[in-house]
Amino acid sequence: MSAKVDEDACTGCGACAEVCPADAITVDDVAKVDSELCTDCGACTDECPVEAISLEE
């Protein structure tokens, strides 16, 4: 599993990247998650103000 970003919903605010303890998220226009680094902690899903990130099952 890893976090998945809904690129249509993502505003690129960067809140998710700021709270990611694994530094698995980068933000240009939208957030991108490096699935190799993602630890599935859920911090990004809790922080996203537009609910654009979810954990894949």
PDB file of N, CA and C in Angstrom:
ATOM      1  N   MET A   1       0.835  -1.189   0.000  1.00  0.00           N
ATOM      2  CA  MET A   1       0.000   0.000   0.000  1.00  0.00           C
ATOM      3  C   MET A   1       0.875   1.246   0.000  1.00  0.00           C
ATOM      4  N   SER A   2       0.323   2.292  -0.534  1.00  0.00           N
ATOM      5  CA  SER A   2       0.945   3.598  -0.405  1.00  0.00           C
ATOM      6  C   SER A   2      -0.122   4.653  -0.634  1.00  0.00           C
ATOM      7  N   ALA A   3       0.196   5.869  -0.302  1.00  0.00           N
ATOM      8  CA  ALA A   3      -0.750   6.960  -0.483  1.00  0.00           C
ATOM      9  C   ALA A   3      -0.925   7.240  -1.973  1.00  0.00           C
ATOM     10  N   LYS A   4      -2.145   7.554  -2.354  1.00  0.00           N
ATOM     11  CA  LYS A   4      -2.460   7.877  -3.739  1.00  0.00           C
ATOM     12  C   LYS A   4      -3.081   9.261  -3.782  1.00  0.00           C
ATOM     13  N   VAL A   5      -2.632  10.070  -4.740  1.00  0.00           N
ATOM     14  CA  VAL A   5      -3.111  11.443  -4.875  1.00  0.00           C
ATOM     15  C   VAL A   5      -4.124  11.532  -6.014  1.00  0.00           C
ATOM     16  N   ASP A   6      -5.272  12.137  -5.731  1.00  0.00           N
ATOM     17  CA  ASP A   6      -6.245  12.461  -6.769  1.00  0.00           C
ATOM     18  C   ASP A   6      -5.773  13.788  -7.368  1.00  0.00           C
ATOM     19  N   GLU A   7      -5.102  13.712  -8.516  1.00  0.00           N
ATOM     20  CA  GLU A   7      -4.487  14.902  -9.105  1.00  0.00           C
ATOM     21  C   GLU A   7      -5.504  15.954  -9.524  1.00  0.00           C
ATOM     22  N   ASP A   8      -6.743  15.538  -9.787  1.00  0.00           N
ATOM     23  CA  ASP A   8      -7.780  16.513 -10.140  1.00  0.00           C
ATOM     24  C   ASP A   8      -8.222  17.320  -8.926  1.00  0.00           C
ATOM     25  N   ALA A   9      -8.148  16.714  -7.742  1.00  0.00           N
ATOM     26  CA  ALA A   9      -8.579  17.392  -6.517  1.00  0.00           C
ATOM     27  C   ALA A   9      -7.438  18.151  -5.838  1.00  0.00           C
ATOM     28  N   CYS A  10      -6.206  17.705  -6.035  1.00  0.00           N
ATOM     29  CA  CYS A  10      -5.048  18.297  -5.356  1.00  0.00           C
ATOM     30  C   CYS A  10      -4.850  19.748  -5.776  1.00  0.00           C
ATOM     31  N   THR A  11      -4.642  20.611  -4.784  1.00  0.00           N
ATOM     32  CA  THR A  11      -4.406  22.032  -5.053  1.00  0.00           C
ATOM     33  C   THR A  11      -2.922  22.399  -5.025  1.00  0.00           C
ATOM     34  N   GLY A  12      -2.069  21.432  -4.661  1.00  0.00           N
ATOM     35  CA  GLY A  12      -0.634  21.699  -4.611  1.00  0.00           C
ATOM     36  C   GLY A  12      -0.209  22.540  -3.429  1.00  0.00           C
ATOM     37  N   CYS A  13      -0.984  22.529  -2.357  1.00  0.00           N
ATOM     38  CA  CYS A  13      -0.685  23.394  -1.209  1.00  0.00           C
ATOM     39  C   CYS A  13       0.569  22.966  -0.442  1.00  0.00           C
ATOM     40  N   GLY A  14       0.910  21.682  -0.494  1.00  0.00           N
ATOM     41  CA  GLY A  14       2.118  21.200   0.165  1.00  0.00           C
ATOM     42  C   GLY A  14       1.960  20.772   1.608  1.00  0.00           C
ATOM     43  N   ALA A  15       0.758  20.847   2.136  1.00  0.00           N
ATOM     44  CA  ALA A  15       0.538  20.461   3.532  1.00  0.00           C
ATOM     45  C   ALA A  15       0.936  19.011   3.767  1.00  0.00           C
ATOM     46  N   CYS A  16       0.650  18.152   2.821  1.00  0.00           N
ATOM     47  CA  CYS A  16       0.977  16.729   2.954  1.00  0.00           C
ATOM     48  C   CYS A  16       2.483  16.505   3.039  1.00  0.00           C
ATOM     49  N   ALA A  17       3.227  17.198   2.205  1.00  0.00           N
ATOM     50  CA  ALA A  17       4.683  17.046   2.185  1.00  0.00           C
ATOM     51  C   ALA A  17       5.302  17.522   3.494  1.00  0.00           C
ATOM     52  N   GLU A  18       4.724  18.548   4.087  1.00  0.00           N
ATOM     53  CA  GLU A  18       5.251  19.085   5.335  1.00  0.00           C
ATOM     54  C   GLU A  18       5.129  18.104   6.492  1.00  0.00           C
ATOM     55  N   VAL A  19       4.083  17.265   6.483  1.00  0.00           N
ATOM     56  CA  VAL A  19       3.876  16.342   7.602  1.00  0.00           C
ATOM     57  C   VAL A  19       4.391  14.928   7.331  1.00  0.00           C
ATOM     58  N   CYS A  20       4.838  14.647   6.130  1.00  0.00           N
ATOM     59  CA  CYS A  20       5.283  13.298   5.789  1.00  0.00           C
ATOM     60  C   CYS A  20       6.605  12.972   6.491  1.00  0.00           C
ATOM     61  N   PRO A  21       6.591  12.010   7.428  1.00  0.00           N
ATOM     62  CA  PRO A  21       7.819  11.688   8.163  1.00  0.00           C
ATOM     63  C   PRO A  21       8.852  10.942   7.320  1.00  0.00           C
ATOM     64  N   ALA A  22       8.432  10.398   6.185  1.00  0.00           N
ATOM     65  CA  ALA A  22       9.344   9.635   5.325  1.00  0.00           C
ATOM     66  C   ALA A  22       9.871  10.463   4.155  1.00  0.00           C
ATOM     67  N   ASP A  23       9.492  11.731   4.073  1.00  0.00           N
ATOM     68  CA  ASP A  23       9.855  12.588   2.938  1.00  0.00           C
ATOM     69  C   ASP A  23       9.519  11.917   1.610  1.00  0.00           C
ATOM     70  N   ALA A  24       8.350  11.277   1.557  1.00  0.00           N
ATOM     71  CA  ALA A  24       7.939  10.541   0.366  1.00  0.00           C
ATOM     72  C   ALA A  24       7.103  11.380  -0.599  1.00  0.00           C
ATOM     73  N   ILE A  25       6.822  12.632  -0.243  1.00  0.00           N
ATOM     74  CA  ILE A  25       5.943  13.460  -1.070  1.00  0.00           C
ATOM     75  C   ILE A  25       6.677  14.686  -1.572  1.00  0.00           C
ATOM     76  N   THR A  26       6.563  14.909  -2.876  1.00  0.00           N
ATOM     77  CA  THR A  26       7.075  16.130  -3.483  1.00  0.00           C
ATOM     78  C   THR A  26       5.887  16.857  -4.103  1.00  0.00           C
ATOM     79  N   VAL A  27       5.992  18.176  -4.194  1.00  0.00           N
ATOM     80  CA  VAL A  27       4.891  18.965  -4.758  1.00  0.00           C
ATOM     81  C   VAL A  27       5.446  19.931  -5.779  1.00  0.00           C
ATOM     82  N   ASP A  28       4.943  19.826  -6.998  1.00  0.00           N
ATOM     83  CA  ASP A  28       5.179  20.839  -8.026  1.00  0.00           C
ATOM     84  C   ASP A  28       3.824  21.511  -8.248  1.00  0.00           C
ATOM     85  N   ASP A  29       3.130  21.132  -9.285  1.00  0.00           N
ATOM     86  CA  ASP A  29       1.759  21.631  -9.461  1.00  0.00           C
ATOM     87  C   ASP A  29       0.797  20.840  -8.579  1.00  0.00           C
ATOM     88  N   VAL A  30       1.076  19.546  -8.431  1.00  0.00           N
ATOM     89  CA  VAL A  30       0.295  18.659  -7.576  1.00  0.00           C
ATOM     90  C   VAL A  30       1.251  17.774  -6.786  1.00  0.00           C
ATOM     91  N   ALA A  31       0.741  17.147  -5.740  1.00  0.00           N
ATOM     92  CA  ALA A  31       1.554  16.259  -4.918  1.00  0.00           C
ATOM     93  C   ALA A  31       1.824  14.948  -5.651  1.00  0.00           C
ATOM     94  N   LYS A  32       3.007  14.411  -5.453  1.00  0.00           N
ATOM     95  CA  LYS A  32       3.393  13.102  -5.981  1.00  0.00           C
ATOM     96  C   LYS A  32       3.971  12.306  -4.824  1.00  0.00           C
ATOM     97  N   VAL A  33       3.568  11.031  -4.712  1.00  0.00           N
ATOM     98  CA  VAL A  33       4.032  10.166  -3.641  1.00  0.00           C
ATOM     99  C   VAL A  33       4.989   9.125  -4.204  1.00  0.00           C
ATOM    100  N   ASP A  34       6.165   9.025  -3.600  1.00  0.00           N
ATOM    101  CA  ASP A  34       7.126   7.984  -3.957  1.00  0.00           C
ATOM    102  C   ASP A  34       6.737   6.724  -3.195  1.00  0.00           C
ATOM    103  N   SER A  35       6.176   5.749  -3.890  1.00  0.00           N
ATOM    104  CA  SER A  35       5.673   4.543  -3.230  1.00  0.00           C
ATOM    105  C   SER A  35       6.777   3.716  -2.587  1.00  0.00           C
ATOM    106  N   GLU A  36       8.005   3.904  -3.032  1.00  0.00           N
ATOM    107  CA  GLU A  36       9.142   3.197  -2.426  1.00  0.00           C
ATOM    108  C   GLU A  36       9.438   3.735  -1.020  1.00  0.00           C
ATOM    109  N   LEU A  37       9.181   5.013  -0.808  1.00  0.00           N
ATOM    110  CA  LEU A  37       9.479   5.645   0.482  1.00  0.00           C
ATOM    111  C   LEU A  37       8.269   5.691   1.421  1.00  0.00           C
ATOM    112  N   CYS A  38       7.073   5.657   0.863  1.00  0.00           N
ATOM    113  CA  CYS A  38       5.845   5.790   1.654  1.00  0.00           C
ATOM    114  C   CYS A  38       5.717   4.642   2.658  1.00  0.00           C
ATOM    115  N   THR A  39       5.429   4.997   3.916  1.00  0.00           N
ATOM    116  CA  THR A  39       5.291   3.991   4.982  1.00  0.00           C
ATOM    117  C   THR A  39       3.830   3.749   5.362  1.00  0.00           C
ATOM    118  N   ASP A  40       2.893   4.320   4.623  1.00  0.00           N
ATOM    119  CA  ASP A  40       1.456   4.146   4.874  1.00  0.00           C
ATOM    120  C   ASP A  40       1.022   4.629   6.247  1.00  0.00           C
ATOM    121  N   CYS A  41       1.652   5.670   6.757  1.00  0.00           N
ATOM    122  CA  CYS A  41       1.326   6.148   8.104  1.00  0.00           C
ATOM    123  C   CYS A  41      -0.002   6.906   8.149  1.00  0.00           C
ATOM    124  N   GLY A  42      -0.414   7.493   7.027  1.00  0.00           N
ATOM    125  CA  GLY A  42      -1.676   8.221   6.984  1.00  0.00           C
ATOM    126  C   GLY A  42      -1.608   9.676   7.388  1.00  0.00           C
ATOM    127  N   ALA A  43      -0.431  10.166   7.718  1.00  0.00           N
ATOM    128  CA  ALA A  43      -0.308  11.572   8.131  1.00  0.00           C
ATOM    129  C   ALA A  43      -0.780  12.514   7.028  1.00  0.00           C
ATOM    130  N   CYS A  44      -0.465  12.193   5.797  1.00  0.00           N
ATOM    131  CA  CYS A  44      -0.845  13.049   4.674  1.00  0.00           C
ATOM    132  C   CYS A  44      -2.355  13.066   4.458  1.00  0.00           C
ATOM    133  N   THR A  45      -2.991  11.915   4.625  1.00  0.00           N
ATOM    134  CA  THR A  45      -4.441  11.859   4.423  1.00  0.00           C
ATOM    135  C   THR A  45      -5.163  12.681   5.482  1.00  0.00           C
ATOM    136  N   ASP A  46      -4.641  12.669   6.693  1.00  0.00           N
ATOM    137  CA  ASP A  46      -5.239  13.459   7.775  1.00  0.00           C
ATOM    138  C   ASP A  46      -5.034  14.958   7.562  1.00  0.00           C
ATOM    139  N   GLU A  47      -3.917  15.331   6.939  1.00  0.00           N
ATOM    140  CA  GLU A  47      -3.544  16.746   6.799  1.00  0.00           C
ATOM    141  C   GLU A  47      -4.164  17.425   5.575  1.00  0.00           C
ATOM    142  N   CYS A  48      -4.455  16.673   4.524  1.00  0.00           N
ATOM    143  CA  CYS A  48      -4.917  17.262   3.262  1.00  0.00           C
ATOM    144  C   CYS A  48      -6.248  17.999   3.447  1.00  0.00           C
ATOM    145  N   PRO A  49      -6.260  19.310   3.180  1.00  0.00           N
ATOM    146  CA  PRO A  49      -7.484  20.096   3.396  1.00  0.00           C
ATOM    147  C   PRO A  49      -8.589  19.820   2.379  1.00  0.00           C
ATOM    148  N   VAL A  50      -8.241  19.203   1.240  1.00  0.00           N
ATOM    149  CA  VAL A  50      -9.255  18.929   0.208  1.00  0.00           C
ATOM    150  C   VAL A  50      -9.488  17.430   0.014  1.00  0.00           C
ATOM    151  N   GLU A  51      -8.948  16.630   0.932  1.00  0.00           N
ATOM    152  CA  GLU A  51      -9.109  15.173   0.917  1.00  0.00           C
ATOM    153  C   GLU A  51      -8.706  14.555  -0.423  1.00  0.00           C
ATOM    154  N   ALA A  52      -7.571  15.020  -0.967  1.00  0.00           N
ATOM    155  CA  ALA A  52      -7.093  14.546  -2.269  1.00  0.00           C
ATOM    156  C   ALA A  52      -6.172  13.332  -2.147  1.00  0.00           C
ATOM    157  N   ILE A  53      -5.868  12.906  -0.932  1.00  0.00           N
ATOM    158  CA  ILE A  53      -4.962  11.769  -0.735  1.00  0.00           C
ATOM    159  C   ILE A  53      -5.685  10.668   0.022  1.00  0.00           C
ATOM    160  N   SER A  54      -5.481   9.440  -0.446  1.00  0.00           N
ATOM    161  CA  SER A  54      -6.060   8.282   0.221  1.00  0.00           C
ATOM    162  C   SER A  54      -5.016   7.186   0.253  1.00  0.00           C
ATOM    163  N   LEU A  55      -5.195   6.227   1.153  1.00  0.00           N
ATOM    164  CA  LEU A  55      -4.301   5.077   1.197  1.00  0.00           C
ATOM    165  C   LEU A  55      -4.878   3.980   0.333  1.00  0.00           C
ATOM    166  N   GLU A  56      -4.056   3.474  -0.602  1.00  0.00           N
ATOM    167  CA  GLU A  56      -4.485   2.381  -1.465  1.00  0.00           C
ATOM    168  C   GLU A  56      -4.539   1.088  -0.666  1.00  0.00           C
ATOM    169  N   GLU A  57      -5.448   0.232  -1.038  1.00  0.00           N
ATOM    170  CA  GLU A  57      -5.533  -1.079  -0.363  1.00  0.00           C
ATOM    171  C   GLU A  57      -4.997  -2.147  -1.283  1.00  0.00           C
TER     172      GLU A  57
END
